[in-house]
Protein backbone atom coordinates (compact mmCIF):
# COMPACT_ATOMS: atom_id res chain seq x y z
CA UNK A 1 -3.56 11.20 -12.84
CA UNK A 2 -1.87 10.34 -9.60
CA UNK A 3 -2.40 6.93 -8.20
CA UNK A 4 -2.83 6.39 -4.49
CA UNK A 5 0.55 5.80 -2.89
CA UNK A 6 1.41 3.60 0.02
CA UNK A 7 -0.79 3.45 3.13
CA UNK A 8 -2.20 6.56 4.72
CA UNK A 9 -1.64 7.41 8.36
CA UNK A 10 -2.78 10.59 10.11
CA UNK A 11 -4.10 12.25 6.96
CA UNK A 12 -5.59 9.08 5.66
CA UNK A 13 -7.99 8.05 2.99
CA UNK A 14 -11.34 8.00 4.77
CA UNK A 15 -12.88 4.56 4.60
CA UNK A 16 -16.47 3.70 5.52
CA UNK A 17 -17.64 2.99 9.06
CA UNK A 18 -19.32 -0.11 10.48
CA UNK A 19 -22.68 0.61 8.93
CA UNK A 20 -21.17 0.40 5.46
CA UNK A 21 -21.75 4.08 4.78
CA UNK A 22 -18.89 6.26 3.65
CA UNK A 23 -17.90 9.14 5.87
CA UNK A 24 -19.45 12.22 4.32
CA UNK A 25 -18.41 15.81 4.65
CA UNK A 26 -19.82 17.41 7.82
CA UNK A 27 -23.23 19.03 7.56
CA UNK A 28 -22.79 22.77 8.15
CA UNK A 29 -24.55 24.21 11.15
CA UNK A 30 -27.20 26.74 10.31
CA UNK A 31 -25.86 30.05 11.53
CA UNK A 32 -25.58 33.54 10.20
CA UNK A 33 -22.21 34.40 8.68
CA UNK A 34 -20.64 37.82 8.61
CA UNK A 35 -20.20 39.40 5.22
CA UNK A 36 -17.49 37.64 3.25
CA UNK A 37 -17.00 35.00 5.96
CA UNK A 38 -16.64 31.38 4.84
CA UNK A 39 -18.11 28.68 7.06
CA UNK A 40 -15.56 26.10 8.14
CA UNK A 41 -17.06 22.77 9.30
CA UNK A 42 -15.62 21.11 12.42
CA UNK A 43 -13.70 17.83 12.17
CA UNK A 44 -15.76 14.68 12.35
CA UNK A 45 -14.48 11.67 14.21
CA UNK A 46 -14.31 8.45 12.21
CA UNK A 47 -15.94 5.29 13.48
CA UNK A 48 -13.49 2.73 14.83
CA UNK A 49 -14.71 -0.17 12.72
CA UNK A 50 -14.33 -0.60 8.99
CA UNK A 51 -16.87 -2.21 6.72
CA UNK A 52 -17.89 -2.06 3.11
CA UNK A 53 -21.28 -2.22 1.50
CA UNK A 54 -22.84 -2.65 -1.91
CA UNK A 55 -22.20 0.98 -2.85
CA UNK A 56 -18.46 0.49 -2.39
CA UNK A 57 -18.34 -2.78 -4.30
CA UNK A 58 -20.29 -1.09 -7.11
CA UNK A 59 -17.54 1.51 -7.65
CA UNK A 60 -15.99 -0.73 -10.28
CA UNK A 61 -15.61 -4.36 -11.32
CA UNK A 62 -12.91 -6.97 -11.81
CA UNK A 63 -11.77 -8.65 -14.97
CA UNK A 64 -9.24 -11.44 -15.41
CA UNK A 65 -6.50 -11.49 -18.01
CA UNK A 66 -3.25 -13.43 -18.37
CA UNK A 67 -3.43 -14.93 -14.90
CA UNK A 68 -4.04 -11.53 -13.32
CA UNK A 69 -6.95 -10.00 -11.44
CA UNK A 70 -7.48 -6.45 -12.70
CA UNK A 71 -9.68 -3.56 -11.62
CA UNK A 72 -11.39 -1.32 -14.14
CA UNK A 73 -10.35 2.30 -13.45
CA UNK A 74 -12.92 4.30 -11.50
CA UNK A 75 -13.57 7.70 -9.97
CA UNK A 76 -12.80 8.07 -6.29
CA UNK A 77 -12.78 10.91 -3.75
CA UNK A 78 -9.77 11.56 -1.56
CA UNK A 79 -10.74 13.77 1.36
CA UNK A 80 -8.86 15.56 4.11
CA UNK A 81 -9.09 18.40 6.56
CA UNK A 82 -6.67 21.30 6.35
CA UNK A 83 -3.46 20.59 8.24
CA UNK A 84 -2.07 23.10 10.67
CA UNK A 85 0.90 23.87 8.45
CA UNK A 86 -1.44 24.71 5.56
CA UNK A 87 -3.38 27.39 7.44
CA UNK A 88 -2.82 30.81 5.90
CA UNK A 89 -1.34 29.33 2.72
CA UNK A 90 -3.03 29.24 -0.65
CA UNK A 91 -4.08 26.00 -2.30
CA UNK A 92 -1.69 26.84 -5.13
CA UNK A 93 1.20 27.11 -2.68
CA UNK A 94 0.29 23.82 -0.97
CA UNK A 95 0.05 21.99 -4.30
CA UNK A 96 3.33 23.41 -5.57
CA UNK A 97 5.35 22.65 -2.43
CA UNK A 98 3.90 19.46 -0.97
CA UNK A 99 1.95 17.61 -3.65
CA UNK A 100 4.34 17.44 -6.55
CA UNK A 101 3.04 14.19 -8.02
CA UNK A 102 1.19 16.36 -10.53
CA UNK A 103 2.17 19.66 -12.18
CA UNK A 104 0.18 22.80 -11.36
CA UNK A 105 -1.43 22.65 -14.81
CA UNK A 106 -3.18 19.47 -13.71
CA UNK A 107 -4.62 21.04 -10.56
CA UNK A 108 -5.88 24.04 -12.52
CA UNK A 109 -7.56 21.70 -14.99
CA UNK A 110 -8.99 19.60 -12.13
CA UNK A 111 -10.47 22.71 -10.54
CA UNK A 112 -12.15 23.74 -13.80
CA UNK A 113 -13.53 20.22 -14.17
CA UNK A 114 -15.14 20.47 -10.73
CA UNK A 115 -12.89 17.82 -9.19
CA UNK A 116 -11.54 20.02 -6.39
CA UNK A 117 -14.02 21.06 -3.71
CA UNK A 118 -13.45 23.08 -0.55
CA UNK A 119 -16.13 22.66 2.13
CA UNK A 120 -18.20 21.04 -0.65
CA UNK A 121 -18.02 24.16 -2.81
CA UNK A 122 -16.19 23.96 -6.17
CA UNK A 123 -12.74 25.52 -6.07
CA UNK A 124 -12.72 28.33 -8.61
CA UNK A 125 -9.43 29.95 -7.66
CA UNK A 126 -6.32 28.09 -6.46
CA UNK A 127 -5.19 31.32 -4.79
CA UNK A 128 -7.85 30.82 -2.11
CA UNK A 129 -6.27 30.90 1.38
CA UNK A 130 -6.88 27.88 3.59
CA UNK A 131 -8.37 28.17 7.07
CA UNK A 132 -8.32 25.84 10.04
CA UNK A 133 -10.55 22.77 9.54
CA UNK A 134 -11.23 23.47 5.86
CA UNK A 135 -12.50 20.25 4.27
CA UNK A 136 -10.92 19.41 0.91
CA UNK A 137 -12.21 16.80 -1.54
CA UNK A 138 -10.32 15.72 -4.67
CA UNK A 139 -11.92 13.41 -7.24
CA UNK A 140 -9.39 11.28 -9.09
CA UNK A 141 -9.50 8.64 -11.79
CA UNK A 142 -8.05 5.74 -9.89
CA UNK A 143 -6.01 2.91 -11.40
CA UNK A 144 -5.07 -0.07 -9.22
CA UNK A 145 -2.12 -2.38 -9.89
CA UNK A 146 -2.99 -5.94 -10.97
CA UNK A 147 -2.65 -8.87 -8.57
CA UNK A 148 -2.62 -12.60 -9.04
CA UNK A 149 -5.83 -14.21 -10.27
CA UNK A 150 -5.31 -17.05 -7.79
CA UNK A 151 -8.48 -17.28 -5.64
CA UNK A 152 -8.58 -16.70 -1.90
CA UNK A 153 -9.18 -20.11 -0.30
CA UNK A 154 -11.16 -20.27 2.96
CA UNK A 155 -9.42 -22.62 5.41
CA UNK A 156 -11.88 -22.40 8.32
CA UNK A 157 -14.99 -20.48 9.26
CA UNK A 158 -17.40 -20.37 12.20
CA UNK A 159 -19.53 -17.73 13.92
CA UNK A 160 -16.50 -15.97 15.39
CA UNK A 161 -13.61 -16.47 12.97
CA UNK A 162 -12.76 -16.85 9.33
CA UNK A 163 -9.32 -18.01 8.23
CA UNK A 164 -8.10 -17.81 4.65
CA UNK A 165 -5.09 -18.80 2.59
CA UNK A 166 -3.94 -15.48 1.18
CA UNK A 167 -2.31 -15.52 -2.26
CA UNK A 168 0.88 -13.58 -2.79
CA UNK A 169 0.59 -10.01 -4.19
CA UNK A 170 -2.67 -9.10 -2.39
CA UNK A 171 -2.60 -6.47 0.38
CA UNK A 172 -4.75 -7.37 3.37
CA UNK A 173 -6.80 -4.16 3.44
CA UNK A 174 -7.16 -0.95 1.40
CA UNK A 175 -3.93 1.01 1.48
CA UNK A 176 -1.99 3.17 -0.90
CA UNK A 177 -2.78 2.30 -4.50
CA UNK A 178 -4.89 -0.73 -3.58
CA UNK A 179 -8.59 -0.74 -2.67
CA UNK A 180 -10.62 -3.31 -4.61
CA UNK A 181 -7.59 -5.55 -5.20
CA UNK A 182 -7.33 -6.37 -1.48
CA UNK A 183 -8.28 -9.37 0.65
CA UNK A 184 -10.92 -7.40 2.58
CA UNK A 185 -12.67 -6.18 -0.58
CA UNK A 186 -12.55 -9.54 -2.37
CA UNK A 187 -13.90 -11.40 0.67
CA UNK A 188 -16.74 -8.90 0.95
CA UNK A 189 -17.56 -8.76 -2.73
CA UNK A 190 -17.16 -12.41 -3.70
CA UNK A 191 -17.76 -14.30 -0.43
CA UNK A 192 -20.22 -12.02 1.38
CA UNK A 193 -17.84 -11.71 4.36
CA UNK A 194 -18.15 -8.21 5.77
CA UNK A 195 -17.37 -6.30 8.94
CA UNK A 196 -14.27 -8.40 9.55
CA UNK A 197 -11.72 -7.49 12.21
CA UNK A 198 -8.08 -7.78 11.12
CA UNK A 199 -6.21 -9.84 13.71
CA UNK A 200 -2.78 -9.73 12.07
CA UNK A 201 -1.29 -8.79 8.74
CA UNK A 202 0.96 -10.31 6.13
CA UNK A 203 3.25 -8.48 3.73
CA UNK A 204 1.59 -8.00 0.36
CA UNK A 205 4.00 -10.46 -1.29
CA UNK A 206 3.68 -13.06 1.50
CA UNK A 207 1.09 -15.83 1.14
CA UNK A 208 -0.52 -18.08 3.69
CA UNK A 209 -2.66 -18.19 6.83
CA UNK A 210 -4.56 -14.98 7.47
CA UNK A 211 -7.08 -14.75 10.32
CA UNK A 212 -10.06 -12.43 10.77
CA UNK A 213 -12.49 -12.13 13.67
CA UNK A 214 -16.20 -11.72 13.03
CA UNK A 215 -16.93 -10.27 16.45
CA UNK A 216 -15.39 -7.60 18.64
CA UNK A 217 -15.12 -10.07 21.51
CA UNK A 218 -13.04 -12.52 19.47
CA UNK A 219 -10.90 -9.68 18.16
CA UNK A 220 -10.08 -8.61 21.71
CA UNK A 221 -9.50 -12.22 22.76
CA UNK A 222 -6.89 -12.85 20.05
CA UNK A 223 -5.35 -9.40 20.50
CA UNK A 224 -4.72 -10.20 24.14
CA UNK A 225 -2.86 -13.37 23.12
CA UNK A 226 -0.76 -11.35 20.67
CA UNK A 227 0.16 -8.82 23.36
CA UNK A 228 1.03 -11.62 25.78
CA UNK A 229 3.17 -13.25 23.06
CA UNK A 230 1.07 -16.40 23.18
CA UNK A 231 0.64 -16.51 19.41
CA UNK A 232 3.03 -18.87 17.62
CA UNK A 233 3.82 -18.13 13.97
CA UNK A 234 5.50 -20.52 11.57
CA UNK A 235 6.59 -19.61 8.05
CA UNK A 236 8.33 -21.50 5.29
CA UNK A 237 10.48 -20.04 2.52
CA UNK A 238 12.93 -21.00 -0.21
CA UNK A 239 16.30 -19.28 0.01
CA UNK A 240 19.44 -19.01 -2.07
CA UNK A 241 22.19 -21.56 -1.43
CA UNK A 242 22.77 -24.26 1.17
CA UNK A 243 21.37 -23.05 4.49
CA UNK A 244 23.14 -24.45 7.60
CA UNK A 245 21.75 -27.75 8.92
CA UNK A 246 21.77 -26.61 12.54
CA UNK A 247 19.25 -24.18 14.00
CA UNK A 248 20.12 -20.54 13.43
CA UNK A 249 18.95 -17.64 15.62
CA UNK A 250 19.19 -14.13 14.21
CA UNK A 251 18.74 -11.18 16.57
CA UNK A 252 19.91 -8.29 14.42
CA UNK A 253 17.95 -5.03 14.95
CA UNK A 254 15.99 -3.78 11.97
CA UNK A 255 15.61 -0.18 10.79
CA UNK A 256 13.06 1.09 8.26
CA UNK A 257 14.73 2.92 5.37
CA UNK A 258 11.61 3.75 3.37
CA UNK A 259 7.95 3.16 4.14
CA UNK A 260 7.00 4.38 0.68
CA UNK A 261 8.90 1.63 -1.13
CA UNK A 262 8.84 -0.77 1.82
CA UNK A 263 12.57 -1.09 2.53
CA UNK A 264 14.42 -2.09 5.71
CA UNK A 265 17.93 -3.05 6.69
CA UNK A 266 19.88 -4.30 9.68
CA UNK A 267 21.17 -1.38 11.75
CA UNK A 268 22.25 -0.93 15.39
CA UNK A 269 19.74 1.95 15.63
CA UNK A 270 16.90 -0.36 14.58
CA UNK A 271 14.33 -2.14 16.71
CA UNK A 272 15.25 -5.40 18.49
CA UNK A 273 13.88 -8.60 17.00
CA UNK A 274 14.51 -12.32 16.89
CA UNK A 275 13.94 -15.05 14.29
CA UNK A 276 14.67 -18.78 14.54
CA UNK A 277 15.53 -20.68 11.34
CA UNK A 278 15.84 -24.39 10.56
CA UNK A 279 16.59 -25.97 7.19
CA UNK A 280 14.01 -28.49 5.96
CA UNK A 281 15.55 -29.49 2.63
CA UNK A 282 18.21 -28.63 0.02
CA UNK A 283 17.94 -29.40 -3.70
CA UNK A 284 21.49 -28.53 -4.74
CA UNK A 285 20.91 -24.84 -5.41
CA UNK A 286 18.34 -23.57 -2.90
CA UNK A 287 17.03 -24.51 0.54
CA UNK A 288 13.59 -24.68 2.11
CA UNK A 289 13.76 -23.07 5.54
CA UNK A 290 11.34 -23.08 8.47
CA UNK A 291 11.06 -19.64 10.10
CA UNK A 292 9.78 -18.85 13.59
CA UNK A 293 9.63 -15.08 14.18
CA UNK A 294 9.56 -14.24 17.89
CA UNK A 295 8.83 -10.59 17.17
CA UNK A 296 6.87 -8.90 14.40
CA UNK A 297 9.01 -6.25 12.75
CA UNK A 298 8.50 -5.07 9.21
CA UNK A 299 10.05 -7.56 6.72
CA UNK A 300 11.77 -9.28 9.65
CA UNK A 301 12.19 -12.73 8.09
CA UNK A 302 13.30 -11.35 4.74
CA UNK A 303 15.86 -8.92 6.23
CA UNK A 304 17.33 -11.52 8.59
CA UNK A 305 17.71 -14.06 5.78
CA UNK A 306 19.46 -11.44 3.65
CA UNK A 307 21.80 -10.64 6.53
CA UNK A 308 22.64 -14.35 6.88
CA UNK A 309 23.58 -14.49 3.19
CA UNK A 310 20.56 -16.56 2.16
CA UNK A 311 17.93 -14.17 0.78
CA UNK A 312 14.62 -15.53 -0.46
CA UNK A 313 15.14 -16.78 -4.02
CA UNK A 314 12.76 -14.34 -5.73
CA UNK A 315 12.55 -11.53 -3.20
CA UNK A 316 11.94 -8.35 -5.24
CA UNK A 317 13.63 -6.18 -2.62
CA UNK A 318 16.24 -8.08 -0.61
CA UNK A 319 17.69 -10.22 -3.39
CA UNK A 320 18.54 -7.47 -5.86
CA UNK A 321 21.83 -6.23 -7.35
CA UNK A 322 21.20 -2.81 -5.77
CA UNK A 323 22.54 -4.20 -2.47
CA UNK A 324 25.98 -4.80 -3.99
CA UNK A 325 27.96 -7.93 -4.93
CA UNK A 326 27.17 -9.63 -1.59
CA UNK A 327 23.50 -8.62 -1.74
CA UNK A 328 23.58 -7.21 1.78
CA UNK A 329 25.13 -10.23 3.49
CA UNK A 330 26.39 -9.35 6.95
CA UNK A 331 24.84 -5.91 6.63
CA UNK A 332 27.54 -4.83 4.16
CA UNK A 333 25.93 -2.53 1.63
CA UNK A 334 28.48 0.19 0.84
CA UNK A 335 25.76 2.74 0.09
CA UNK A 336 23.92 5.41 1.97
CA UNK A 337 20.21 4.86 2.48
CA UNK A 338 19.46 7.35 -0.27
CA UNK A 339 21.87 5.66 -2.68
CA UNK A 340 20.44 2.24 -1.86
CA UNK A 341 16.86 3.41 -2.41
CA UNK A 342 17.77 5.06 -5.69
CA UNK A 343 19.65 1.98 -6.92
CA UNK A 344 16.76 -0.32 -6.02
CA UNK A 345 14.17 1.81 -7.80
CA UNK A 346 16.39 2.24 -10.87
CA UNK A 347 16.89 -1.54 -11.04
CA UNK A 348 13.12 -2.07 -11.06
CA UNK A 349 12.68 0.75 -13.57
CA UNK A 350 15.14 -0.94 -15.91
CA UNK A 351 13.14 -4.15 -15.62
CA UNK A 352 9.82 -2.29 -15.92
CA UNK A 353 8.75 -3.95 -12.68
CA UNK A 354 7.82 -1.06 -10.37
CA UNK A 355 4.33 -2.56 -10.16
CA UNK A 356 5.85 -5.50 -8.28
CA UNK A 357 6.82 -3.04 -5.55
CA UNK A 358 3.26 -1.71 -5.52
CA UNK A 359 4.35 1.80 -6.47
CA UNK A 360 4.23 3.90 -9.61
CA UNK A 361 6.48 6.56 -11.06
CA UNK A 362 4.24 9.33 -9.73
CA UNK A 363 4.76 8.05 -6.18
CA UNK A 364 8.49 8.67 -6.56
CA UNK A 365 7.94 12.29 -7.56
CA UNK A 366 5.89 13.13 -4.50
CA UNK A 367 7.22 14.42 -1.22
CA UNK A 368 9.67 12.68 1.11
CA UNK A 369 9.07 10.60 4.19
CA UNK A 370 10.42 10.05 7.66
CA UNK A 371 12.39 7.00 8.75
CA UNK A 372 11.41 4.41 11.28
CA UNK A 373 8.45 6.31 12.70
CA UNK A 374 6.74 3.12 13.80
CA UNK A 375 6.42 -0.62 13.69
CA UNK A 376 3.99 -2.44 11.47
CA UNK A 377 4.24 -6.01 12.67
CA UNK A 378 3.92 -8.29 9.66
CA UNK A 379 2.67 -5.59 7.31
CA UNK A 380 4.42 -2.94 5.27
CA UNK A 381 3.69 0.43 6.82
CA UNK A 382 3.87 3.61 4.81
CA UNK A 383 4.67 7.17 5.67
CA UNK A 384 1.71 9.45 5.84
CA UNK A 385 0.14 9.62 2.42
CA UNK A 386 -0.82 12.57 0.28
CA UNK A 387 -4.51 13.11 1.08
CA UNK A 388 -4.93 15.02 -2.17
CA UNK A 389 -3.65 12.41 -4.62
CA UNK A 390 -3.22 9.37 -2.42
CA UNK A 391 0.57 9.38 -2.91
CA UNK A 392 3.03 9.69 -0.06
CA UNK A 393 3.75 12.99 1.61
CA UNK A 394 5.93 14.02 4.58
CA UNK A 395 5.10 12.69 8.01
CA UNK A 396 3.27 15.12 10.27
CA UNK A 397 6.23 15.72 12.54
CA UNK A 398 8.73 16.47 9.74
CA UNK A 399 9.35 20.18 9.96
CA UNK A 400 11.76 20.28 7.07
CA UNK A 401 10.87 17.25 4.95
CA UNK A 402 13.47 16.02 2.50
CA UNK A 403 12.40 15.51 -1.06
CA UNK A 404 12.84 11.91 -2.06
CA UNK A 405 12.97 11.86 -5.84
CA UNK A 406 14.72 8.55 -6.12
CA UNK A 407 15.43 8.00 -9.77
CA UNK A 408 11.86 8.16 -10.99
CA UNK A 409 11.12 6.80 -14.44
CA UNK A 410 9.56 9.30 -16.84
CA UNK A 411 5.91 8.63 -17.59
CA UNK A 412 5.30 7.38 -21.10
CA UNK A 413 2.36 9.66 -21.85
CA UNK A 414 1.32 12.00 -24.63
CA UNK A 415 -1.09 13.95 -22.44
CA UNK A 416 -0.65 17.70 -22.95
CA UNK A 417 -1.33 19.36 -19.62
CA UNK A 418 -0.69 22.79 -21.07
CA UNK A 419 -3.57 22.23 -23.45
CA UNK A 420 -5.72 20.97 -20.58
CA UNK A 421 -4.77 24.09 -18.67
CA UNK A 422 -6.43 26.14 -21.42
CA UNK A 423 -9.31 23.78 -22.12
CA UNK A 424 -12.62 25.20 -20.89
CA UNK A 425 -14.72 22.12 -21.64
CA UNK A 426 -13.51 19.57 -19.12
CA UNK A 427 -16.04 17.46 -17.27
CA UNK A 428 -15.84 14.76 -14.60
CA UNK A 429 -16.67 11.78 -16.79
CA UNK A 430 -15.88 13.20 -20.17
CA UNK A 431 -13.69 11.39 -22.64
CA UNK A 432 -11.15 12.78 -25.00
CA UNK A 433 -11.78 12.06 -28.66
CA UNK A 434 -14.31 9.44 -27.58
CA UNK A 435 -11.55 6.98 -26.71
CA UNK A 436 -12.66 3.86 -24.88
CA UNK A 437 -10.41 1.28 -23.26
CA UNK A 438 -10.37 -2.28 -24.54
CA UNK A 439 -12.00 -3.57 -21.34
CA UNK A 440 -15.01 -1.27 -21.47
CA UNK A 441 -13.83 1.71 -19.46
CA UNK A 442 -13.50 5.19 -20.87
CA UNK A 443 -10.29 7.15 -20.85
CA UNK A 444 -10.28 10.24 -18.70
CA UNK A 445 -8.98 13.48 -20.27
CA UNK A 446 -7.02 14.48 -17.15
CA UNK A 447 -5.67 11.04 -16.27
CA UNK A 448 -2.01 10.42 -17.06
CA UNK A 449 -2.41 6.72 -16.25
CA UNK A 450 -5.02 6.39 -19.01
CA UNK A 451 -2.35 7.41 -21.52
CA UNK A 452 0.53 5.50 -20.01
CA UNK A 453 1.70 2.22 -21.51
CA UNK A 454 2.79 -0.26 -18.85
CA UNK A 455 4.02 -3.84 -18.98
CA UNK A 456 1.85 -6.15 -16.91
CA UNK A 457 3.75 -8.25 -14.39
CA UNK A 458 3.63 -11.97 -15.09
CA UNK A 459 1.86 -14.18 -12.53
CA UNK A 460 5.29 -15.63 -11.72
CA UNK A 461 6.60 -12.19 -10.76
CA UNK A 462 3.76 -11.81 -8.27
CA UNK A 463 4.78 -14.87 -6.25
CA UNK A 464 7.43 -14.64 -3.56
CA UNK A 465 8.64 -17.81 -1.88
CA UNK A 466 7.56 -16.87 1.66
CA UNK A 467 4.46 -18.49 3.13
CA UNK A 468 2.70 -18.27 6.51
CA UNK A 469 2.23 -21.97 7.21
CA UNK A 470 0.76 -22.03 10.72
CA UNK A 471 -0.71 -19.70 13.35
CA UNK A 472 -1.34 -21.19 16.79
CA UNK A 473 -2.93 -19.53 19.81
CA UNK A 474 -3.98 -20.72 23.25
CA UNK A 475 -7.24 -22.20 21.98
CA UNK A 476 -6.85 -22.41 18.20
CA UNK A 477 -4.46 -23.59 15.49
CA UNK A 478 -4.78 -22.98 11.75
CA UNK A 479 -2.55 -24.43 9.04
CA UNK A 480 -2.36 -24.20 5.29
CA UNK A 481 -0.88 -26.66 2.81
CA UNK A 482 2.80 -26.56 1.98
CA UNK A 483 3.21 -24.54 -1.24
CA UNK A 484 4.42 -26.31 -4.35
CA UNK A 485 7.73 -24.44 -4.40
CA UNK A 486 8.51 -25.73 -0.87
CA UNK A 487 8.46 -29.40 -1.87
CA UNK A 488 11.80 -31.18 -1.38
CA UNK A 489 12.18 -32.19 -5.02
CA UNK A 490 10.99 -28.87 -6.48
CA UNK A 491 13.21 -27.28 -9.15
CA UNK A 492 13.06 -23.84 -10.76
């Protein structure tokens, strides 16, 4: 079964509104239909705020194992309205050309199991032709990647703000393959903190100070400071080699290569940015560096350090052999973007560490993506995601999307989709041969993930040596403790 891919944009996973109630399919107006006419509900505008309630937290539960926080697999609905380019095309054609994360045999089996619904009616025939504003719902068996079991520590809290020390490996909010294993969900479920406004974001692998507003007024107040560039950000990291003693300013423009994987590089066509660096200590093999980003481009600190020849010691993207013998120093890569992306994914495949990137093999078999279609500040931003499976699909404005099958690893699964294609006795929650997972969840007969053997990342692999140490505004300042790996006498 396909896992949700990186973050959704225009055709996004619909999350609940402020009242904590999930957005439901529109209620059809009562009107008389002509013979053979199918009622098509109008689009429904989502509420601006995002909140989660008890019904969302009850979707599944956590368990802890080997230093990891894990989520028991659960059933989840991905929903979307028919896109303009789908109008007049059959569901079968849309699945076969745009949503290739799963073979057609899977979609046929999913339809028979009642997991595909069009305007809340079960899809009986994939040859059905889509009309404008058709509402499609796909129920999937969702598996989330594990994250560190390190708890989220609350640094400060009052009636208007809550500030936490985010552990590495946790996304800030639901996106892509992550929902319950996110800061927003954990704060709501374990700390009773709900209806929070995200003031800024951190990369999933970055730890440190993360601020939320409790009120709309405070959210607007801090946002105004961000727009006026009155917010000071200070990070600390540990980099390879002996960083220069003097202050270093890097102003190289940054271009996004892949939102799906989360990959950037220095390029003259990129967006302007500036980072100030100052060495704090050197232990003979690596340096602790203070970082002051003056702009907020995607992976800005990490890309600039790579360009300077001092990548973060354990950066799972910018300190890899895929970048060549110099690991991207000075912007010298010697590969096209496609070759670089393929080499990076193949390197992680060989190490069985795709989970560290937050993607799965099925994400790599889905459709392509556009480059540099936006700026995400401190957070990894994905191309528009597949609203059917949750994996990435082409951006809305790509008229001739390129397929981006970048060296995907074959799934280690014995599921026989051809047999499922002929099986007439599939049900939503049925199990195959009565198999039950070790942690109390039942295997799903259609779910490839249930039959896939994966190596869990170690807690050490889920820590990257980049930490948001301090955020200071006009009328506030929040700091976290210096991480252990940033101590002057620390050794690997």
